[in-house]
Amino acid sequence: MTNLKIEKLENKYLKKFYFLLKSFEDELLDGLNTKEEIRHHWEDLWQTEISSFSTGAERIVYALLNGKSMGSPNSSPVGSDLFFKHKDAMLHIDLKTVKHSFSGGRTNIGDYKNSIFIGTNQNSYSCNNMLINENKNNETAREYIAHLPHFYSIDNTNYPCLTYFITILYSEDDGSVLCITIMSMPNGQLENHYGHRVLKAGKNLDKSRYNFSRTHSFEIIKDNTDDVFRRIKVVYLDDRVRNELQFLSDLYDEQEN
């Protein structure tokens, strides 16, 4: 399969996910806020991390996607939390949550602005020169090995492995949702085009981040058309974080126009 064909499929399903989430934006936000109705029951347990925003958010988002016939679920233990087989691709979808505080509490918004953490079981993008300390005197490179294949072979048919992340930034102060995005990480075959730009080294040897701000468009499609197709769609953006999330804010405004 050509790189262009892979990108067209990545774009096709990104648009499907985006329009689904956008169509049910109100229901999605309402669902994510239902925890506040019974906060007095779980707030003490939250402090011991028995529960978390991520756990509750997964129930809401995955219930929405599972109920909209996104394909046939696959039971493979190696993959994202949601893994579907569709007629022309295998779709991995994972949810990422990051917290922020307006009141001086702990914030991880820096982990949300330009890149997002990923797991080796969630993508197919291996790279032998992921840069560490890029553009610094101590710059080095290391190998990153993703666990997913470029293609799944089923009955002599190859289905490209497509990876998507739904990201949610939320307020630690009151639990409110501040930003929701859906993004497409390139299939591993596209390493011959994007190179190391897709990845950003994490703190540990086996950790990495999807460097979405450097690979925010379907570049191979762009090379073949006059239109720009983004790999990132912003479903929801709270005005309170616009200044801190300038990159995502610009994409959101571009979408609206």
Protein backbone atom coordinates (compact mmCIF):
# COMPACT_ATOMS: atom_id res chain seq x y z
CA MET A 1 0.00 0.00 0.00
CA THR A 2 1.33 3.45 -0.88
CA ASN A 3 2.02 6.14 1.68
CA LEU A 4 -0.63 8.32 0.05
CA LYS A 5 -3.25 5.61 0.43
CA ILE A 6 -2.37 5.18 4.10
CA GLU A 7 -2.69 8.91 4.75
CA LYS A 8 -6.04 9.06 2.97
CA LEU A 9 -7.31 6.30 5.25
CA GLU A 10 -5.88 8.04 8.33
CA ASN A 11 -7.64 11.24 7.30
CA LYS A 12 -10.88 9.43 6.50
CA TYR A 13 -11.23 7.94 9.96
CA LEU A 14 -9.96 11.04 11.74
CA LYS A 15 -12.83 12.98 10.17
CA LYS A 16 -15.29 10.26 11.18
CA PHE A 17 -14.16 10.36 14.81
CA TYR A 18 -14.09 14.15 14.89
CA PHE A 19 -17.59 14.61 13.48
CA LEU A 20 -18.92 11.96 15.84
CA LEU A 21 -17.39 13.64 18.90
CA LYS A 22 -18.39 17.11 17.68
CA SER A 23 -21.96 16.01 16.95
CA PHE A 24 -22.28 14.76 20.52
CA GLU A 25 -20.21 17.52 22.12
CA ASP A 26 -22.93 18.52 24.58
CA GLU A 27 -23.61 14.94 25.59
CA LEU A 28 -19.87 14.28 25.90
CA LEU A 29 -19.31 17.27 28.17
CA ASP A 30 -22.41 16.48 30.22
CA GLY A 31 -21.23 12.90 30.64
CA LEU A 32 -17.75 13.95 31.72
CA ASN A 33 -19.33 16.25 34.31
CA THR A 34 -21.69 13.67 35.85
CA LYS A 35 -19.05 12.85 38.45
CA GLU A 36 -19.73 16.23 40.08
CA GLU A 37 -23.28 15.15 40.98
CA ILE A 38 -21.92 12.54 43.37
CA ARG A 39 -18.57 14.13 44.24
CA HIS A 40 -19.30 13.77 47.97
CA HIS A 41 -19.30 9.99 47.54
CA TRP A 42 -15.91 9.64 45.89
CA GLU A 43 -13.91 12.76 46.79
CA ASP A 44 -12.14 11.15 49.75
CA LEU A 45 -11.22 8.12 47.64
CA TRP A 46 -9.85 10.44 44.93
CA GLN A 47 -7.16 11.54 47.36
CA THR A 48 -5.94 7.94 47.62
CA GLU A 49 -6.01 7.60 43.83
CA ILE A 50 -8.44 4.68 43.97
CA SER A 51 -10.36 6.60 41.36
CA SER A 52 -9.19 9.10 38.77
CA PHE A 53 -10.50 11.47 36.11
CA SER A 54 -9.05 9.18 33.47
CA THR A 55 -11.04 6.16 34.62
CA GLY A 56 -14.34 8.01 34.56
CA ALA A 57 -13.58 9.77 31.28
CA GLU A 58 -12.80 6.46 29.58
CA ARG A 59 -16.28 5.16 30.45
CA ILE A 60 -17.97 8.15 28.83
CA VAL A 61 -15.84 8.41 25.69
CA TYR A 62 -15.66 4.69 25.02
CA ALA A 63 -19.39 4.23 25.60
CA LEU A 64 -20.01 6.87 22.93
CA LEU A 65 -17.64 5.28 20.42
CA ASN A 66 -18.71 1.72 21.14
CA GLY A 67 -22.34 2.65 20.61
CA LYS A 68 -21.78 4.11 17.15
CA SER A 69 -20.66 1.01 15.24
CA MET A 70 -17.06 2.05 14.63
CA GLY A 71 -16.25 -1.51 13.53
CA SER A 72 -15.79 -4.97 14.99
CA PRO A 73 -13.96 -4.96 18.37
CA ASN A 74 -10.75 -7.00 18.49
CA SER A 75 -9.69 -8.82 21.67
CA SER A 76 -5.92 -8.66 21.13
CA PRO A 77 -4.15 -7.96 24.47
CA VAL A 78 -1.56 -5.87 22.60
CA GLY A 79 -3.10 -2.61 21.47
CA SER A 80 -4.96 0.48 22.58
CA ASP A 81 -7.93 0.47 24.94
CA LEU A 82 -10.22 0.49 21.90
CA PHE A 83 -9.28 -1.66 18.93
CA PHE A 84 -11.62 -2.08 15.96
CA LYS A 85 -11.45 -3.88 12.66
CA HIS A 86 -13.06 -1.94 9.85
CA LYS A 87 -13.51 -2.87 6.21
CA ASP A 88 -10.21 -1.30 5.14
CA ALA A 89 -8.17 -0.69 8.32
CA MET A 90 -7.49 -1.71 11.91
CA LEU A 91 -8.19 1.20 14.25
CA HIS A 92 -6.48 1.79 17.61
CA ILE A 93 -7.95 4.53 19.83
CA ASP A 94 -6.55 5.55 23.19
CA LEU A 95 -7.62 8.24 25.66
CA LYS A 96 -5.08 10.58 27.28
CA THR A 97 -5.97 12.88 30.19
CA VAL A 98 -3.86 15.73 31.57
CA LYS A 99 -4.66 17.97 34.53
CA HIS A 100 -4.30 21.72 34.98
CA SER A 101 -4.88 24.08 37.88
CA PHE A 102 -5.83 27.76 37.95
CA SER A 103 -5.36 28.07 41.71
CA GLY A 104 -1.67 27.33 42.06
CA GLY A 105 -2.03 23.59 42.35
CA ARG A 106 -0.07 21.07 40.34
CA THR A 107 -0.42 21.45 36.60
CA ASN A 108 0.79 19.27 33.75
CA ILE A 109 -0.39 21.54 30.96
CA GLY A 110 3.15 21.55 29.57
CA ASP A 111 2.57 17.88 28.71
CA TYR A 112 -0.40 18.90 26.56
CA LYS A 113 0.78 21.88 24.51
CA ASN A 114 2.90 20.30 21.78
CA SER A 115 3.22 16.55 22.42
CA ILE A 116 1.42 13.75 24.23
CA PHE A 117 2.73 10.61 25.91
CA ILE A 118 2.26 7.33 24.05
CA GLY A 119 2.77 3.64 24.78
CA THR A 120 4.64 1.13 22.65
CA ASN A 121 1.46 -0.98 22.48
CA GLN A 122 -0.49 1.96 21.05
CA ASN A 123 1.39 2.74 17.83
CA SER A 124 3.40 1.26 14.94
CA TYR A 125 5.96 4.05 14.51
CA SER A 126 9.40 2.59 15.17
CA CYS A 127 12.37 4.87 14.60
CA ASN A 128 16.11 4.30 14.98
CA ASN A 129 17.04 7.95 15.53
CA MET A 130 14.63 9.45 18.05
CA LEU A 131 16.48 12.52 19.26
CA ILE A 132 17.31 13.26 22.89
CA ASN A 133 18.14 16.86 23.85
CA GLU A 134 17.52 17.94 20.28
CA ASN A 135 19.52 20.98 19.10
CA LYS A 136 21.61 20.99 22.28
CA ASN A 137 25.30 20.30 22.70
CA ASN A 138 24.53 16.91 24.24
CA GLU A 139 22.11 15.80 21.51
CA THR A 140 22.04 12.04 21.03
CA ALA A 141 19.73 9.55 19.33
CA ARG A 142 18.21 6.28 20.45
CA GLU A 143 16.06 3.60 18.92
CA TYR A 144 12.35 3.46 19.62
CA ILE A 145 10.56 0.19 18.86
CA ALA A 146 6.78 0.26 18.64
CA HIS A 147 4.96 -3.02 19.28
CA LEU A 148 2.21 -2.71 16.68
CA PRO A 149 2.74 -3.78 13.05
CA HIS A 150 2.44 -1.49 10.07
CA PHE A 151 -0.21 -3.86 8.70
CA TYR A 152 -2.34 -6.69 10.06
CA SER A 153 -2.59 -9.68 7.72
CA ILE A 154 -6.00 -11.41 7.78
CA ASP A 155 -6.95 -14.01 5.18
CA ASN A 156 -4.26 -12.78 2.79
CA THR A 157 -5.46 -9.19 3.07
CA ASN A 158 -3.36 -6.43 4.63
CA TYR A 159 -5.13 -3.91 6.84
CA PRO A 160 -3.10 -0.80 7.80
CA CYS A 161 -2.72 -0.16 11.52
CA LEU A 162 -4.11 3.32 12.26
CA THR A 163 -3.52 5.03 15.60
CA TYR A 164 -5.67 7.78 17.13
CA PHE A 165 -5.52 9.60 20.45
CA ILE A 166 -8.35 11.44 22.16
CA THR A 167 -6.84 13.91 24.60
CA ILE A 168 -8.63 15.68 27.44
CA LEU A 169 -7.24 18.54 29.52
CA TYR A 170 -9.22 19.04 32.72
CA SER A 171 -9.18 21.36 35.73
CA GLU A 172 -7.94 19.85 38.96
CA ASP A 173 -9.76 22.64 40.79
CA ASP A 174 -13.32 21.75 39.84
CA GLY A 175 -13.05 18.80 37.43
CA SER A 176 -14.26 20.81 34.45
CA VAL A 177 -13.12 19.94 30.93
CA LEU A 178 -10.78 22.50 29.36
CA CYS A 179 -9.89 20.96 26.00
CA ILE A 180 -10.69 17.88 23.93
CA THR A 181 -8.78 16.87 20.80
CA ILE A 182 -8.68 13.90 18.46
CA MET A 183 -5.43 13.29 16.58
CA SER A 184 -3.96 10.83 14.11
CA MET A 185 -0.42 9.54 14.67
CA PRO A 186 1.30 8.41 11.43
CA ASN A 187 1.44 4.74 10.57
CA GLY A 188 4.93 3.26 10.92
CA GLN A 189 5.43 2.89 7.16
CA LEU A 190 5.39 6.68 6.94
CA GLU A 191 8.67 6.86 8.87
CA ASN A 192 10.34 7.06 5.47
CA HIS A 193 8.66 10.46 5.06
CA TYR A 194 8.37 11.95 8.57
CA GLY A 195 11.55 10.51 10.09
CA HIS A 196 12.26 11.36 13.73
CA ARG A 197 9.90 14.38 13.79
CA VAL A 198 6.95 12.26 14.90
CA LEU A 199 8.64 11.24 18.16
CA LYS A 200 9.95 13.11 21.16
CA ALA A 201 12.03 11.24 23.71
CA GLY A 202 10.48 10.62 27.11
CA LYS A 203 12.24 10.30 30.44
CA ASN A 204 12.71 6.53 30.28
CA LEU A 205 14.34 4.41 27.59
CA ASP A 206 11.09 2.79 26.46
CA LYS A 207 9.00 5.96 26.67
CA SER A 208 8.20 8.44 23.98
CA ARG A 209 5.75 11.16 23.04
CA TYR A 210 3.84 11.89 19.88
CA ASN A 211 5.28 15.23 18.77
CA PHE A 212 2.04 16.40 17.17
CA SER A 213 2.98 20.06 16.83
CA ARG A 214 5.76 19.12 14.38
CA THR A 215 3.62 16.73 12.35
CA HIS A 216 0.25 18.45 12.49
CA SER A 217 -0.75 17.91 8.86
CA PHE A 218 -1.12 15.05 6.40
CA GLU A 219 1.98 16.07 4.49
CA ILE A 220 1.83 13.40 1.79
CA ILE A 221 -1.75 14.36 0.94
CA LYS A 222 -0.61 17.98 0.86
CA ASP A 223 2.11 17.08 -1.64
CA ASN A 224 -0.61 15.79 -3.96
CA THR A 225 -3.27 18.50 -3.53
CA ASP A 226 -3.59 22.22 -2.90
CA ASP A 227 -5.54 21.67 0.32
CA VAL A 228 -4.26 21.29 3.88
CA PHE A 229 -5.59 18.44 5.95
CA ARG A 230 -4.74 18.51 9.67
CA ARG A 231 -3.83 15.48 11.75
CA ILE A 232 -5.34 17.23 14.79
CA LYS A 233 -8.96 18.23 15.35
CA VAL A 234 -9.96 20.31 18.37
CA VAL A 235 -13.39 19.19 19.56
CA TYR A 236 -13.70 21.60 22.48
CA LEU A 237 -11.65 24.50 23.86
CA ASP A 238 -12.33 26.52 27.01
CA ASP A 239 -11.47 30.20 26.63
CA ARG A 240 -9.60 30.10 29.94
CA VAL A 241 -6.72 28.12 28.42
CA ARG A 242 -6.54 29.75 25.01
CA ASN A 243 -3.41 31.75 25.79
CA GLU A 244 -1.60 28.76 27.26
CA LEU A 245 -2.59 26.47 24.39
CA GLN A 246 -1.73 28.82 21.54
CA PHE A 247 -0.98 26.09 19.01
CA LEU A 248 -4.24 24.25 19.62
CA SER A 249 -6.12 27.54 19.82
CA ASP A 250 -4.88 28.49 16.35
CA LEU A 251 -6.00 25.12 14.97
CA TYR A 252 -9.40 25.54 16.60
CA ASP A 253 -9.88 28.98 15.04
CA GLU A 254 -8.77 27.61 11.67
CA GLN A 255 -11.43 24.89 11.92
CA GLU A 256 -14.15 27.37 12.79
CA ASN A 257 -13.29 29.53 9.81
